[in-house]
C-alpha atoms as a PDB file:
ATOM      1  CA  MET A   1      16.340   7.071  -3.677  1.00  0.00           C
ATOM      2  CA  GLN A   2      17.697   7.323  -7.189  1.00  0.00           C
ATOM      3  CA  GLU A   3      18.753  10.972  -7.186  1.00  0.00           C
ATOM      4  CA  PRO A   4      19.372  12.194  -3.614  1.00  0.00           C
ATOM      5  CA  VAL A   5      21.022  15.449  -4.709  1.00  0.00           C
ATOM      6  CA  LYS A   6      18.090  16.318  -6.927  1.00  0.00           C
ATOM      7  CA  TYR A   7      15.688  15.324  -4.127  1.00  0.00           C
ATOM      8  CA  ALA A   8      17.424  17.688  -1.733  1.00  0.00           C
ATOM      9  CA  SER A   9      17.417  20.588  -4.204  1.00  0.00           C
ATOM     10  CA  ASP A  10      13.769  19.958  -5.133  1.00  0.00           C
ATOM     11  CA  CYS A  11      12.776  19.948  -1.447  1.00  0.00           C
ATOM     12  CA  ILE A  12      14.602  23.206  -0.822  1.00  0.00           C
ATOM     13  CA  ARG A  13      13.042  24.778  -3.916  1.00  0.00           C
ATOM     14  CA  LEU A  14       9.503  23.598  -3.063  1.00  0.00           C
ATOM     15  CA  VAL A  15       9.263  23.775   0.740  1.00  0.00           C
ATOM     16  CA  GLY A  16      12.439  25.507   1.867  1.00  0.00           C
ATOM     17  CA  TYR A  17      14.106  22.569   3.618  1.00  0.00           C
ATOM     18  CA  VAL A  18      15.036  18.932   3.030  1.00  0.00           C
ATOM     19  CA  ILE A  19      12.258  16.622   4.154  1.00  0.00           C
ATOM     20  CA  ASP A  20      14.103  13.902   6.020  1.00  0.00           C
ATOM     21  CA  HIS A  21      12.011  10.778   6.330  1.00  0.00           C
ATOM     22  CA  ALA A  22      12.234   7.048   6.712  1.00  0.00           C
ATOM     23  CA  PRO A  23      10.618   5.154   3.835  1.00  0.00           C
ATOM     24  CA  TRP A  24       8.976   2.783   6.326  1.00  0.00           C
ATOM     25  CA  PRO A  25       7.501   4.716   9.234  1.00  0.00           C
ATOM     26  CA  SER A  26       7.924   3.191  12.646  1.00  0.00           C
ATOM     27  CA  VAL A  27       4.513   2.053  13.818  1.00  0.00           C
ATOM     28  CA  ASP A  28       3.607   0.293  17.025  1.00  0.00           C
ATOM     29  CA  GLY A  29       3.383  -3.449  16.335  1.00  0.00           C
ATOM     30  CA  ASN A  30      -0.116  -3.722  17.821  1.00  0.00           C
ATOM     31  CA  LYS A  31      -1.413  -0.828  15.713  1.00  0.00           C
ATOM     32  CA  ARG A  32       0.022  -2.411  12.569  1.00  0.00           C
ATOM     33  CA  LYS A  33      -1.474  -5.823  13.393  1.00  0.00           C
ATOM     34  CA  ASN A  34      -4.863  -4.270  14.189  1.00  0.00           C
ATOM     35  CA  SER A  35      -4.773  -2.321  10.947  1.00  0.00           C
ATOM     36  CA  CYS A  36      -3.925  -5.458   8.954  1.00  0.00           C
ATOM     37  CA  ASP A  37      -6.628  -7.453  10.738  1.00  0.00           C
ATOM     38  CA  ASN A  38      -9.194  -4.725  10.024  1.00  0.00           C
ATOM     39  CA  THR A  39      -8.233  -4.678   6.347  1.00  0.00           C
ATOM     40  CA  ILE A  40      -8.478  -8.463   6.063  1.00  0.00           C
ATOM     41  CA  ASN A  41     -11.863  -8.520   7.806  1.00  0.00           C
ATOM     42  CA  ALA A  42     -13.228  -5.719   5.613  1.00  0.00           C
ATOM     43  CA  TRP A  43     -12.045  -7.598   2.499  1.00  0.00           C
ATOM     44  CA  LYS A  44     -13.725 -10.823   3.636  1.00  0.00           C
ATOM     45  CA  LYS A  45     -16.959  -8.969   4.413  1.00  0.00           C
ATOM     46  CA  GLU A  46     -17.025  -7.104   1.104  1.00  0.00           C
ATOM     47  CA  PHE A  47     -15.840  -9.830  -1.272  1.00  0.00           C
ATOM     48  CA  GLU A  48     -16.624 -13.025   0.662  1.00  0.00           C
ATOM     49  CA  SER A  49     -13.157 -14.327  -0.138  1.00  0.00           C
ATOM     50  CA  ASP A  50      -9.732 -14.604   1.426  1.00  0.00           C
ATOM     51  CA  MET A  51      -7.520 -11.625   0.661  1.00  0.00           C
ATOM     52  CA  SER A  52      -4.330 -13.675   0.927  1.00  0.00           C
ATOM     53  CA  THR A  53      -5.243 -15.837  -2.077  1.00  0.00           C
ATOM     54  CA  ASP A  54      -7.810 -13.719  -3.921  1.00  0.00           C
ATOM     55  CA  HIS A  55      -5.162 -12.204  -6.194  1.00  0.00           C
ATOM     56  CA  LEU A  56      -4.005 -15.664  -7.299  1.00  0.00           C
ATOM     57  CA  TYR A  57      -7.311 -16.875  -8.677  1.00  0.00           C
ATOM     58  CA  ASN A  58     -10.495 -15.484 -10.121  1.00  0.00           C
ATOM     59  CA  THR A  59     -12.471 -16.110  -6.942  1.00  0.00           C
ATOM     60  CA  THR A  60     -15.231 -13.619  -7.706  1.00  0.00           C
ATOM     61  CA  GLY A  61     -16.697 -15.632 -10.563  1.00  0.00           C
ATOM     62  CA  HIS A  62     -17.072 -12.572 -12.794  1.00  0.00           C
ATOM     63  CA  GLY A  63     -14.497 -13.659 -15.355  1.00  0.00           C
ATOM     64  CA  TYR A  64     -12.472 -10.466 -15.097  1.00  0.00           C
ATOM     65  CA  ASP A  65      -9.143 -12.246 -15.057  1.00  0.00           C
ATOM     66  CA  GLN A  66      -7.945 -10.829 -18.398  1.00  0.00           C
ATOM     67  CA  TRP A  67      -7.599  -7.336 -19.789  1.00  0.00           C
ATOM     68  CA  SER A  68      -9.471  -6.591 -22.965  1.00  0.00           C
ATOM     69  CA  ASP A  69      -9.722  -3.472 -25.083  1.00  0.00           C
END
């Protein structure tokens, strides 16, 4: 958090109390693994490619690997 004092005052101003939270919520390991597995499987089904390497290469064959205006 870059400005904790401002965060605290903004919370009090907006909701009336400081929202105390952990940036990484504690989630059961099995739930997290199942969620990741479901995401990976949905990606493979939709795009017929491997999510772990899809961002490294243009695996879709559409040629959208560069921005153009």
